[in-house]
C-alpha atoms as a PDB file:
ATOM      1  CA  UNK A   1      45.120-117.795  -8.922  1.00  0.00           C
ATOM      2  CA  UNK A   2      48.595-115.971  -8.009  1.00  0.00           C
ATOM      3  CA  UNK A   3      48.714-112.189  -8.033  1.00  0.00           C
ATOM      4  CA  UNK A   4      51.194-111.981 -10.720  1.00  0.00           C
ATOM      5  CA  UNK A   5      48.931-113.836 -12.806  1.00  0.00           C
ATOM      6  CA  UNK A   6      45.677-112.090 -12.207  1.00  0.00           C
ATOM      7  CA  UNK A   7      47.878-108.746 -12.968  1.00  0.00           C
ATOM      8  CA  UNK A   8      49.412-110.161 -16.436  1.00  0.00           C
ATOM      9  CA  UNK A   9      45.762-111.176 -16.909  1.00  0.00           C
ATOM     10  CA  UNK A  10      44.321-107.536 -16.426  1.00  0.00           C
ATOM     11  CA  UNK A  11      47.086-105.839 -18.600  1.00  0.00           C
ATOM     12  CA  UNK A  12      46.048-107.880 -21.576  1.00  0.00           C
ATOM     13  CA  UNK A  13      42.589-107.299 -20.957  1.00  0.00           C
ATOM     14  CA  UNK A  14      43.131-103.322 -20.581  1.00  0.00           C
ATOM     15  CA  UNK A  15      45.723-103.321 -23.511  1.00  0.00           C
ATOM     16  CA  UNK A  16      43.724-104.948 -26.278  1.00  0.00           C
ATOM     17  CA  UNK A  17      41.107-102.212 -27.261  1.00  0.00           C
ATOM     18  CA  UNK A  18      44.215 -99.800 -27.399  1.00  0.00           C
ATOM     19  CA  UNK A  19      46.477-102.191 -29.383  1.00  0.00           C
ATOM     20  CA  UNK A  20      43.097-103.067 -31.712  1.00  0.00           C
ATOM     21  CA  UNK A  21      42.538 -98.888 -32.506  1.00  0.00           C
ATOM     22  CA  UNK A  22      46.022 -98.014 -32.630  1.00  0.00           C
ATOM     23  CA  UNK A  23      46.687-100.639 -35.568  1.00  0.00           C
ATOM     24  CA  UNK A  24      43.972 -99.321 -37.432  1.00  0.00           C
ATOM     25  CA  UNK A  25      45.403 -95.700 -36.652  1.00  0.00           C
ATOM     26  CA  UNK A  26      48.621 -97.086 -37.835  1.00  0.00           C
ATOM     27  CA  UNK A  27      48.009 -98.135 -41.664  1.00  0.00           C
ATOM     28  CA  UNK A  28      45.841 -94.836 -41.823  1.00  0.00           C
ATOM     29  CA  UNK A  29      48.666 -92.829 -40.919  1.00  0.00           C
ATOM     30  CA  UNK A  30      50.862 -94.961 -43.064  1.00  0.00           C
ATOM     31  CA  UNK A  31      48.545 -93.625 -46.056  1.00  0.00           C
ATOM     32  CA  UNK A  32      48.568 -89.978 -45.046  1.00  0.00           C
ATOM     33  CA  UNK A  33      45.690 -89.745 -43.471  1.00  0.00           C
ATOM     34  CA  UNK A  34      45.303 -88.151 -39.944  1.00  0.00           C
ATOM     35  CA  UNK A  35      42.515 -89.186 -38.363  1.00  0.00           C
ATOM     36  CA  UNK A  36      41.517 -87.773 -35.174  1.00  0.00           C
ATOM     37  CA  UNK A  37      38.286 -89.245 -34.738  1.00  0.00           C
ATOM     38  CA  UNK A  38      39.260 -92.533 -33.053  1.00  0.00           C
ATOM     39  CA  UNK A  39      37.700 -91.952 -30.069  1.00  0.00           C
ATOM     40  CA  UNK A  40      34.283 -91.245 -31.776  1.00  0.00           C
ATOM     41  CA  UNK A  41      34.414 -94.226 -33.574  1.00  0.00           C
ATOM     42  CA  UNK A  42      35.421 -95.950 -30.660  1.00  0.00           C
ATOM     43  CA  UNK A  43      32.397 -94.921 -28.425  1.00  0.00           C
ATOM     44  CA  UNK A  44      29.781 -95.328 -31.388  1.00  0.00           C
ATOM     45  CA  UNK A  45      31.293 -98.939 -31.802  1.00  0.00           C
ATOM     46  CA  UNK A  46      30.658 -99.824 -28.140  1.00  0.00           C
ATOM     47  CA  UNK A  47      27.070 -98.676 -28.380  1.00  0.00           C
ATOM     48  CA  UNK A  48      26.235-100.363 -31.171  1.00  0.00           C
ATOM     49  CA  UNK A  49      28.693-103.751 -30.266  1.00  0.00           C
ATOM     50  CA  UNK A  50      26.466-103.605 -27.048  1.00  0.00           C
ATOM     51  CA  UNK A  51      22.958-102.966 -28.736  1.00  0.00           C
ATOM     52  CA  UNK A  52      23.755-106.109 -31.589  1.00  0.00           C
ATOM     53  CA  UNK A  53      25.015-107.924 -28.591  1.00  0.00           C
ATOM     54  CA  UNK A  54      21.813-107.502 -26.622  1.00  0.00           C
ATOM     55  CA  UNK A  55      19.477-107.423 -29.197  1.00  0.00           C
ATOM     56  CA  UNK A  56      20.777-110.661 -30.604  1.00  0.00           C
ATOM     57  CA  UNK A  57      22.618-112.640 -27.682  1.00  0.00           C
ATOM     58  CA  UNK A  58      25.611-113.256 -29.919  1.00  0.00           C
ATOM     59  CA  UNK A  59      28.696-111.321 -29.041  1.00  0.00           C
ATOM     60  CA  UNK A  60      29.769-112.140 -32.852  1.00  0.00           C
ATOM     61  CA  UNK A  61      27.399-110.091 -33.784  1.00  0.00           C
ATOM     62  CA  UNK A  62      27.957-107.678 -31.558  1.00  0.00           C
ATOM     63  CA  UNK A  63      31.281-107.022 -32.530  1.00  0.00           C
ATOM     64  CA  UNK A  64      30.350-107.159 -36.380  1.00  0.00           C
ATOM     65  CA  UNK A  65      27.880-103.804 -35.693  1.00  0.00           C
ATOM     66  CA  UNK A  66      30.736-102.629 -33.896  1.00  0.00           C
ATOM     67  CA  UNK A  67      32.619-103.020 -36.980  1.00  0.00           C
ATOM     68  CA  UNK A  68      30.150-101.807 -39.097  1.00  0.00           C
ATOM     69  CA  UNK A  69      29.411 -98.551 -36.717  1.00  0.00           C
ATOM     70  CA  UNK A  70      33.382 -97.553 -36.773  1.00  0.00           C
ATOM     71  CA  UNK A  71      33.552 -98.157 -41.181  1.00  0.00           C
ATOM     72  CA  UNK A  72      30.114 -95.877 -41.516  1.00  0.00           C
ATOM     73  CA  UNK A  73      32.077 -93.041 -39.310  1.00  0.00           C
ATOM     74  CA  UNK A  74      35.117 -93.554 -41.112  1.00  0.00           C
ATOM     75  CA  UNK A  75      33.536 -92.966 -44.439  1.00  0.00           C
ATOM     76  CA  UNK A  76      32.007 -89.767 -43.273  1.00  0.00           C
ATOM     77  CA  UNK A  77      35.465 -88.783 -42.572  1.00  0.00           C
ATOM     78  CA  UNK A  78      36.730 -89.901 -45.898  1.00  0.00           C
ATOM     79  CA  UNK A  79      33.920 -88.471 -47.486  1.00  0.00           C
ATOM     80  CA  UNK A  80      34.865 -84.871 -45.330  1.00  0.00           C
ATOM     81  CA  UNK A  81      38.575 -85.251 -45.886  1.00  0.00           C
ATOM     82  CA  UNK A  82      39.118 -87.112 -49.490  1.00  0.00           C
ATOM     83  CA  UNK A  83      35.916 -86.601 -51.251  1.00  0.00           C
ATOM     84  CA  UNK A  84      35.472 -82.473 -49.913  1.00  0.00           C
ATOM     85  CA  UNK A  85      39.193 -81.949 -49.131  1.00  0.00           C
ATOM     86  CA  UNK A  86      38.064 -80.700 -45.894  1.00  0.00           C
ATOM     87  CA  UNK A  87      41.142 -80.201 -43.439  1.00  0.00           C
ATOM     88  CA  UNK A  88      42.050 -83.089 -41.582  1.00  0.00           C
ATOM     89  CA  UNK A  89      42.497 -81.994 -38.061  1.00  0.00           C
ATOM     90  CA  UNK A  90      39.253 -80.283 -38.106  1.00  0.00           C
ATOM     91  CA  UNK A  91      37.187 -83.343 -39.689  1.00  0.00           C
ATOM     92  CA  UNK A  92      38.617 -85.482 -36.951  1.00  0.00           C
ATOM     93  CA  UNK A  93      37.673 -83.475 -34.250  1.00  0.00           C
ATOM     94  CA  UNK A  94      34.008 -83.026 -35.359  1.00  0.00           C
ATOM     95  CA  UNK A  95      33.784 -86.985 -35.710  1.00  0.00           C
ATOM     96  CA  UNK A  96      34.910 -87.270 -32.514  1.00  0.00           C
ATOM     97  CA  UNK A  97      31.839 -84.836 -31.648  1.00  0.00           C
ATOM     98  CA  UNK A  98      29.603 -86.667 -33.660  1.00  0.00           C
ATOM     99  CA  UNK A  99      30.463 -89.998 -32.533  1.00  0.00           C
ATOM    100  CA  UNK A 100      29.720 -88.955 -28.647  1.00  0.00           C
ATOM    101  CA  UNK A 101      26.322 -87.581 -29.428  1.00  0.00           C
ATOM    102  CA  UNK A 102      25.366 -90.730 -31.936  1.00  0.00           C
ATOM    103  CA  UNK A 103      26.454 -93.001 -29.097  1.00  0.00           C
ATOM    104  CA  UNK A 104      24.520 -91.483 -26.610  1.00  0.00           C
ATOM    105  CA  UNK A 105      21.805 -91.279 -28.790  1.00  0.00           C
ATOM    106  CA  UNK A 106      21.751 -95.093 -29.531  1.00  0.00           C
ATOM    107  CA  UNK A 107      23.008 -96.270 -26.078  1.00  0.00           C
ATOM    108  CA  UNK A 108      20.423 -94.406 -23.917  1.00  0.00           C
ATOM    109  CA  UNK A 109      18.013 -97.383 -24.350  1.00  0.00           C
ATOM    110  CA  UNK A 110      20.583 -99.937 -23.088  1.00  0.00           C
ATOM    111  CA  UNK A 111      22.384 -98.205 -20.239  1.00  0.00           C
ATOM    112  CA  UNK A 112      21.403-100.627 -16.854  1.00  0.00           C
ATOM    113  CA  UNK A 113      21.432-103.551 -19.184  1.00  0.00           C
ATOM    114  CA  UNK A 114      23.711-106.126 -18.730  1.00  0.00           C
ATOM    115  CA  UNK A 115      25.192-108.847 -21.415  1.00  0.00           C
ATOM    116  CA  UNK A 116      26.821-112.599 -21.587  1.00  0.00           C
ATOM    117  CA  UNK A 117      30.910-111.407 -22.038  1.00  0.00           C
ATOM    118  CA  UNK A 118      32.673-113.205 -24.893  1.00  0.00           C
ATOM    119  CA  UNK A 119      33.910-116.963 -23.876  1.00  0.00           C
ATOM    120  CA  UNK A 120      37.634-117.515 -22.337  1.00  0.00           C
ATOM    121  CA  UNK A 121      39.362-119.704 -24.665  1.00  0.00           C
ATOM    122  CA  UNK A 122      39.711-123.110 -23.078  1.00  0.00           C
ATOM    123  CA  UNK A 123      41.733-126.014 -24.487  1.00  0.00           C
ATOM    124  CA  UNK A 124      42.106-129.046 -22.157  1.00  0.00           C
ATOM    125  CA  UNK A 125      45.148-129.800 -20.654  1.00  0.00           C
ATOM    126  CA  UNK A 126      47.142-126.441 -21.705  1.00  0.00           C
ATOM    127  CA  UNK A 127      44.759-123.911 -19.978  1.00  0.00           C
ATOM    128  CA  UNK A 128      45.150-125.871 -17.054  1.00  0.00           C
ATOM    129  CA  UNK A 129      49.230-125.283 -17.369  1.00  0.00           C
ATOM    130  CA  UNK A 130      50.152-123.610 -13.907  1.00  0.00           C
ATOM    131  CA  UNK A 131      50.315-119.722 -14.388  1.00  0.00           C
ATOM    132  CA  UNK A 132      51.171-119.609 -18.033  1.00  0.00           C
ATOM    133  CA  UNK A 133      47.926-121.482 -18.821  1.00  0.00           C
ATOM    134  CA  UNK A 134      45.494-118.902 -18.425  1.00  0.00           C
ATOM    135  CA  UNK A 135      47.739-116.357 -19.965  1.00  0.00           C
ATOM    136  CA  UNK A 136      48.416-117.955 -23.044  1.00  0.00           C
ATOM    137  CA  UNK A 137      45.605-120.241 -23.772  1.00  0.00           C
ATOM    138  CA  UNK A 138      42.831-118.561 -21.849  1.00  0.00           C
ATOM    139  CA  UNK A 139      42.220-115.477 -23.269  1.00  0.00           C
ATOM    140  CA  UNK A 140      38.854-114.199 -25.046  1.00  0.00           C
ATOM    141  CA  UNK A 141      39.033-114.064 -28.952  1.00  0.00           C
ATOM    142  CA  UNK A 142      39.609-110.325 -29.020  1.00  0.00           C
ATOM    143  CA  UNK A 143      42.942-110.549 -27.436  1.00  0.00           C
ATOM    144  CA  UNK A 144      44.215-113.102 -29.784  1.00  0.00           C
ATOM    145  CA  UNK A 145      42.625-111.408 -32.422  1.00  0.00           C
ATOM    146  CA  UNK A 146      44.249-108.088 -31.562  1.00  0.00           C
ATOM    147  CA  UNK A 147      47.720-109.953 -31.582  1.00  0.00           C
ATOM    148  CA  UNK A 148      46.700-111.162 -35.616  1.00  0.00           C
ATOM    149  CA  UNK A 149      45.915-107.497 -36.749  1.00  0.00           C
ATOM    150  CA  UNK A 150      48.962-106.241 -35.697  1.00  0.00           C
ATOM    151  CA  UNK A 151      51.347-109.516 -37.311  1.00  0.00           C
ATOM    152  CA  UNK A 152      48.882-108.947 -39.888  1.00  0.00           C
ATOM    153  CA  UNK A 153      49.194-104.908 -40.613  1.00  0.00           C
ATOM    154  CA  UNK A 154      53.129-105.418 -40.234  1.00  0.00           C
ATOM    155  CA  UNK A 155      53.444-108.248 -42.838  1.00  0.00           C
ATOM    156  CA  UNK A 156      51.362-106.135 -45.076  1.00  0.00           C
ATOM    157  CA  UNK A 157      53.036-102.977 -44.621  1.00  0.00           C
ATOM    158  CA  UNK A 158      56.489-104.538 -45.378  1.00  0.00           C
ATOM    159  CA  UNK A 159      56.034-107.692 -47.016  1.00  0.00           C
ATOM    160  CA  UNK A 160      53.501-106.907 -49.917  1.00  0.00           C
ATOM    161  CA  UNK A 161      53.723-104.815 -52.649  1.00  0.00           C
ATOM    162  CA  UNK A 162      50.232-103.231 -51.758  1.00  0.00           C
ATOM    163  CA  UNK A 163      51.845-102.065 -48.494  1.00  0.00           C
ATOM    164  CA  UNK A 164      54.954-100.718 -50.180  1.00  0.00           C
ATOM    165  CA  UNK A 165      51.875 -98.597 -52.671  1.00  0.00           C
ATOM    166  CA  UNK A 166      49.859 -97.705 -49.651  1.00  0.00           C
ATOM    167  CA  UNK A 167      53.659 -96.332 -48.179  1.00  0.00           C
ATOM    168  CA  UNK A 168      53.931 -94.738 -51.184  1.00  0.00           C
ATOM    169  CA  UNK A 169      51.186 -92.665 -51.265  1.00  0.00           C
ATOM    170  CA  UNK A 170      51.830 -91.901 -47.335  1.00  0.00           C
ATOM    171  CA  UNK A 171      54.956 -90.436 -48.587  1.00  0.00           C
ATOM    172  CA  UNK A 172      54.569 -88.777 -51.700  1.00  0.00           C
ATOM    173  CA  UNK A 173      51.266 -88.610 -53.156  1.00  0.00           C
ATOM    174  CA  UNK A 174      51.889 -86.545 -56.304  1.00  0.00           C
ATOM    175  CA  UNK A 175      54.694 -89.105 -57.295  1.00  0.00           C
ATOM    176  CA  UNK A 176      52.178 -92.395 -56.691  1.00  0.00           C
ATOM    177  CA  UNK A 177      49.246 -90.538 -58.497  1.00  0.00           C
ATOM    178  CA  UNK A 178      51.795 -89.909 -61.368  1.00  0.00           C
ATOM    179  CA  UNK A 179      52.694 -93.372 -61.324  1.00  0.00           C
ATOM    180  CA  UNK A 180      49.356 -94.271 -61.561  1.00  0.00           C
ATOM    181  CA  UNK A 181      48.051 -95.295 -58.737  1.00  0.00           C
ATOM    182  CA  UNK A 182      44.613 -94.292 -57.258  1.00  0.00           C
ATOM    183  CA  UNK A 183      45.886 -92.347 -54.177  1.00  0.00           C
ATOM    184  CA  UNK A 184      42.201 -91.585 -53.160  1.00  0.00           C
ATOM    185  CA  UNK A 185      40.547 -95.132 -53.410  1.00  0.00           C
ATOM    186  CA  UNK A 186      43.949 -96.384 -51.585  1.00  0.00           C
ATOM    187  CA  UNK A 187      43.597 -93.359 -48.838  1.00  0.00           C
ATOM    188  CA  UNK A 188      39.810 -94.551 -48.412  1.00  0.00           C
ATOM    189  CA  UNK A 189      40.601 -98.211 -47.837  1.00  0.00           C
ATOM    190  CA  UNK A 190      43.301 -97.470 -45.341  1.00  0.00           C
ATOM    191  CA  UNK A 191      40.660 -95.032 -43.611  1.00  0.00           C
ATOM    192  CA  UNK A 192      38.010 -97.735 -43.641  1.00  0.00           C
ATOM    193  CA  UNK A 193      40.107-100.316 -41.886  1.00  0.00           C
ATOM    194  CA  UNK A 194      40.963 -97.949 -39.239  1.00  0.00           C
ATOM    195  CA  UNK A 195      37.427 -97.280 -38.597  1.00  0.00           C
ATOM    196  CA  UNK A 196      36.925-101.039 -38.812  1.00  0.00           C
ATOM    197  CA  UNK A 197      39.780-101.413 -36.002  1.00  0.00           C
ATOM    198  CA  UNK A 198      38.487 -98.595 -34.325  1.00  0.00           C
ATOM    199  CA  UNK A 199      34.459 -99.453 -34.109  1.00  0.00           C
ATOM    200  CA  UNK A 200      36.029-103.127 -32.796  1.00  0.00           C
ATOM    201  CA  UNK A 201      38.068-101.379 -30.111  1.00  0.00           C
ATOM    202  CA  UNK A 202      35.168 -99.454 -28.382  1.00  0.00           C
ATOM    203  CA  UNK A 203      32.801-103.311 -29.153  1.00  0.00           C
ATOM    204  CA  UNK A 204      35.336-104.974 -27.067  1.00  0.00           C
ATOM    205  CA  UNK A 205      34.826-102.928 -24.203  1.00  0.00           C
ATOM    206  CA  UNK A 206      31.149-104.274 -23.185  1.00  0.00           C
ATOM    207  CA  UNK A 207      31.385-107.465 -24.963  1.00  0.00           C
ATOM    208  CA  UNK A 208      35.023-108.470 -23.086  1.00  0.00           C
ATOM    209  CA  UNK A 209      36.050-106.165 -20.740  1.00  0.00           C
ATOM    210  CA  UNK A 210      32.950-105.341 -19.211  1.00  0.00           C
ATOM    211  CA  UNK A 211      29.140-106.512 -19.419  1.00  0.00           C
ATOM    212  CA  UNK A 212      27.466-103.345 -19.552  1.00  0.00           C
ATOM    213  CA  UNK A 213      27.222-100.006 -21.420  1.00  0.00           C
ATOM    214  CA  UNK A 214      27.748 -96.566 -20.140  1.00  0.00           C
ATOM    215  CA  UNK A 215      28.566 -93.018 -21.826  1.00  0.00           C
ATOM    216  CA  UNK A 216      31.746 -92.350 -22.198  1.00  0.00           C
ATOM    217  CA  UNK A 217      33.114 -95.655 -21.629  1.00  0.00           C
ATOM    218  CA  UNK A 218      36.071 -95.204 -23.874  1.00  0.00           C
ATOM    219  CA  UNK A 219      37.593 -92.598 -21.449  1.00  0.00           C
ATOM    220  CA  UNK A 220      40.012 -91.319 -23.584  1.00  0.00           C
ATOM    221  CA  UNK A 221      41.651 -94.510 -25.149  1.00  0.00           C
ATOM    222  CA  UNK A 222      41.340 -93.274 -28.725  1.00  0.00           C
ATOM    223  CA  UNK A 223      43.364 -90.255 -27.796  1.00  0.00           C
ATOM    224  CA  UNK A 224      45.871 -92.771 -26.496  1.00  0.00           C
ATOM    225  CA  UNK A 225      45.765 -95.077 -29.337  1.00  0.00           C
ATOM    226  CA  UNK A 226      46.751 -92.190 -31.393  1.00  0.00           C
ATOM    227  CA  UNK A 227      49.396 -91.524 -29.285  1.00  0.00           C
ATOM    228  CA  UNK A 228      50.885 -94.713 -29.205  1.00  0.00           C
ATOM    229  CA  UNK A 229      50.954 -94.476 -33.394  1.00  0.00           C
ATOM    230  CA  UNK A 230      53.313 -91.182 -32.769  1.00  0.00           C
ATOM    231  CA  UNK A 231      55.470 -92.425 -30.351  1.00  0.00           C
ATOM    232  CA  UNK A 232      55.855 -95.878 -31.723  1.00  0.00           C
ATOM    233  CA  UNK A 233      57.500 -93.919 -34.351  1.00  0.00           C
ATOM    234  CA  UNK A 234      54.930 -95.642 -36.882  1.00  0.00           C
ATOM    235  CA  UNK A 235      56.420 -99.084 -36.599  1.00  0.00           C
ATOM    236  CA  UNK A 236      54.384-102.104 -35.687  1.00  0.00           C
ATOM    237  CA  UNK A 237      56.682-103.835 -32.799  1.00  0.00           C
ATOM    238  CA  UNK A 238      57.010-100.730 -31.045  1.00  0.00           C
ATOM    239  CA  UNK A 239      53.298-100.183 -30.905  1.00  0.00           C
ATOM    240  CA  UNK A 240      52.581-103.529 -29.215  1.00  0.00           C
ATOM    241  CA  UNK A 241      54.990-102.545 -26.669  1.00  0.00           C
ATOM    242  CA  UNK A 242      53.499 -99.232 -26.050  1.00  0.00           C
ATOM    243  CA  UNK A 243      50.099-100.918 -25.865  1.00  0.00           C
ATOM    244  CA  UNK A 244      51.338-103.550 -23.056  1.00  0.00           C
ATOM    245  CA  UNK A 245      52.847-101.029 -21.145  1.00  0.00           C
ATOM    246  CA  UNK A 246      50.119 -98.379 -21.045  1.00  0.00           C
ATOM    247  CA  UNK A 247      47.950-101.569 -19.963  1.00  0.00           C
ATOM    248  CA  UNK A 248      50.342-102.141 -17.371  1.00  0.00           C
ATOM    249  CA  UNK A 249      50.716 -98.616 -15.656  1.00  0.00           C
ATOM    250  CA  UNK A 250      47.017 -98.830 -15.913  1.00  0.00           C
ATOM    251  CA  UNK A 251      46.614-102.029 -13.724  1.00  0.00           C
ATOM    252  CA  UNK A 252      49.548-101.210 -11.774  1.00  0.00           C
ATOM    253  CA  UNK A 253      48.290 -97.992 -10.523  1.00  0.00           C
ATOM    254  CA  UNK A 254      44.800 -99.373  -9.521  1.00  0.00           C
ATOM    255  CA  UNK A 255      46.671-102.068  -7.579  1.00  0.00           C
ATOM    256  CA  UNK A 256      48.794 -98.989  -6.198  1.00  0.00           C
ATOM    257  CA  UNK A 257      45.501 -97.507  -4.945  1.00  0.00           C
ATOM    258  CA  UNK A 258      44.059-100.354  -3.187  1.00  0.00           C
ATOM    259  CA  UNK A 259      46.939-101.155  -1.661  1.00  0.00           C
ATOM    260  CA  UNK A 260      46.783 -97.432   0.598  1.00  0.00           C
ATOM    261  CA  UNK A 261      50.058 -96.093  -0.511  1.00  0.00           C
ATOM    262  CA  UNK A 262      49.047 -92.917   0.646  1.00  0.00           C
ATOM    263  CA  UNK A 263      49.535 -91.261  -2.989  1.00  0.00           C
ATOM    264  CA  UNK A 264      46.920 -88.677  -3.852  1.00  0.00           C
ATOM    265  CA  UNK A 265      44.946 -90.253  -6.079  1.00  0.00           C
ATOM    266  CA  UNK A 266      44.398 -87.550  -8.965  1.00  0.00           C
ATOM    267  CA  UNK A 267      48.484 -88.110  -9.433  1.00  0.00           C
ATOM    268  CA  UNK A 268      47.669 -92.238  -9.693  1.00  0.00           C
ATOM    269  CA  UNK A 269      44.935 -91.777 -12.311  1.00  0.00           C
ATOM    270  CA  UNK A 270      47.090 -89.287 -14.679  1.00  0.00           C
ATOM    271  CA  UNK A 271      50.182 -91.795 -14.057  1.00  0.00           C
ATOM    272  CA  UNK A 272      49.758 -94.047 -16.671  1.00  0.00           C
ATOM    273  CA  UNK A 273      49.474 -91.319 -19.349  1.00  0.00           C
ATOM    274  CA  UNK A 274      52.454 -89.401 -18.267  1.00  0.00           C
ATOM    275  CA  UNK A 275      54.838 -92.825 -17.391  1.00  0.00           C
ATOM    276  CA  UNK A 276      53.873 -93.827 -21.155  1.00  0.00           C
ATOM    277  CA  UNK A 277      54.529 -90.622 -22.477  1.00  0.00           C
ATOM    278  CA  UNK A 278      57.967 -90.404 -20.619  1.00  0.00           C
ATOM    279  CA  UNK A 279      58.959 -94.400 -21.987  1.00  0.00           C
ATOM    280  CA  UNK A 280      58.201 -94.047 -25.091  1.00  0.00           C
ATOM    281  CA  UNK A 281      59.682 -90.663 -25.950  1.00  0.00           C
ATOM    282  CA  UNK A 282      62.961 -92.404 -24.538  1.00  0.00           C
ATOM    283  CA  UNK A 283      62.480 -95.151 -26.748  1.00  0.00           C
ATOM    284  CA  UNK A 284      61.851 -92.816 -29.743  1.00  0.00           C
ATOM    285  CA  UNK A 285      64.784 -90.728 -28.671  1.00  0.00           C
ATOM    286  CA  UNK A 286      67.286 -93.550 -28.822  1.00  0.00           C
ATOM    287  CA  UNK A 287      65.821 -96.032 -31.866  1.00  0.00           C
ATOM    288  CA  UNK A 288      68.365 -97.082 -34.447  1.00  0.00           C
ATOM    289  CA  UNK A 289      67.224 -97.386 -37.865  1.00  0.00           C
ATOM    290  CA  UNK A 290      64.006 -95.875 -36.885  1.00  0.00           C
ATOM    291  CA  UNK A 291      61.009 -94.515 -38.693  1.00  0.00           C
ATOM    292  CA  UNK A 292      59.889 -90.904 -39.218  1.00  0.00           C
ATOM    293  CA  UNK A 293      55.725 -89.817 -40.308  1.00  0.00           C
ATOM    294  CA  UNK A 294      54.592 -90.503 -43.562  1.00  0.00           C
ATOM    295  CA  UNK A 295      55.820 -87.361 -45.536  1.00  0.00           C
ATOM    296  CA  UNK A 296      52.593 -86.648 -46.728  1.00  0.00           C
ATOM    297  CA  UNK A 297      50.657 -87.513 -43.292  1.00  0.00           C
ATOM    298  CA  UNK A 298      47.466 -84.870 -42.665  1.00  0.00           C
ATOM    299  CA  UNK A 299      48.155 -83.267 -46.160  1.00  0.00           C
ATOM    300  CA  UNK A 300      44.855 -82.665 -48.482  1.00  0.00           C
ATOM    301  CA  UNK A 301      45.735 -84.336 -52.075  1.00  0.00           C
ATOM    302  CA  UNK A 302      43.425 -83.214 -55.437  1.00  0.00           C
ATOM    303  CA  UNK A 303      43.756 -85.166 -57.736  1.00  0.00           C
ATOM    304  CA  UNK A 304      44.538 -83.527 -61.721  1.00  0.00           C
ATOM    305  CA  UNK A 305      41.500 -83.127 -63.324  1.00  0.00           C
END
């Protein structure tokens, strides 16, 4: 395996959890809900995903457990923000704190344990193609699922009536309610979808990225996913670019440190965040025919009784 091929494979692996979590948050925010608890849902998904896989020996069961954990936490968030009309920013931050604590409680007994990670796809004749074979036909299922999810989310938002209604709810919930659409129900399902994606993104880390669980292994990826949604101007195509850009800079800075370039490690650690923000800001500034934030994003909706 050549160096370039190894770097591309590492970039795909590093970008997958970001793309999964950001896809769910994109749909959530398009419905007008700002969920800052992505990090908390991811870390609980990682703990539950590893626990499920370790107890059953099945990566699929682990992935389902991670998704269910994310959905349960998202329902807690929905209860606070949609049913009780709690401030979404405060509720999201509280959800992250809650998720961190719950993940430590669930994952404490599994620290130091190992599992067999998700297998890589192998198609005889295709995976063996030099250079491109392993990149295109040799990934684990999570990588292909992340791409399928963002394509499906884009199709749903811009090519279906349901997506149009969801975006209308995010832009003007009062008008959508006046037209007879169930605003709170639509937002609840969007929040649940975001929770499932965040839980799956967290489960990816111990199920495919590394074969073990450690507390705090999401390492801020949930916050990066939130930033990617904003800097991509809530557009799926730019979200993909941003996710893979961050993954690329992350992997390249590791190779730079390994090459002994003499650059302070603190700067190299912060470089992926800095470079991603700068490039995505430039993209958003230079956009043509772009998109803006949903007008009702983060605002509380209380239906008329």
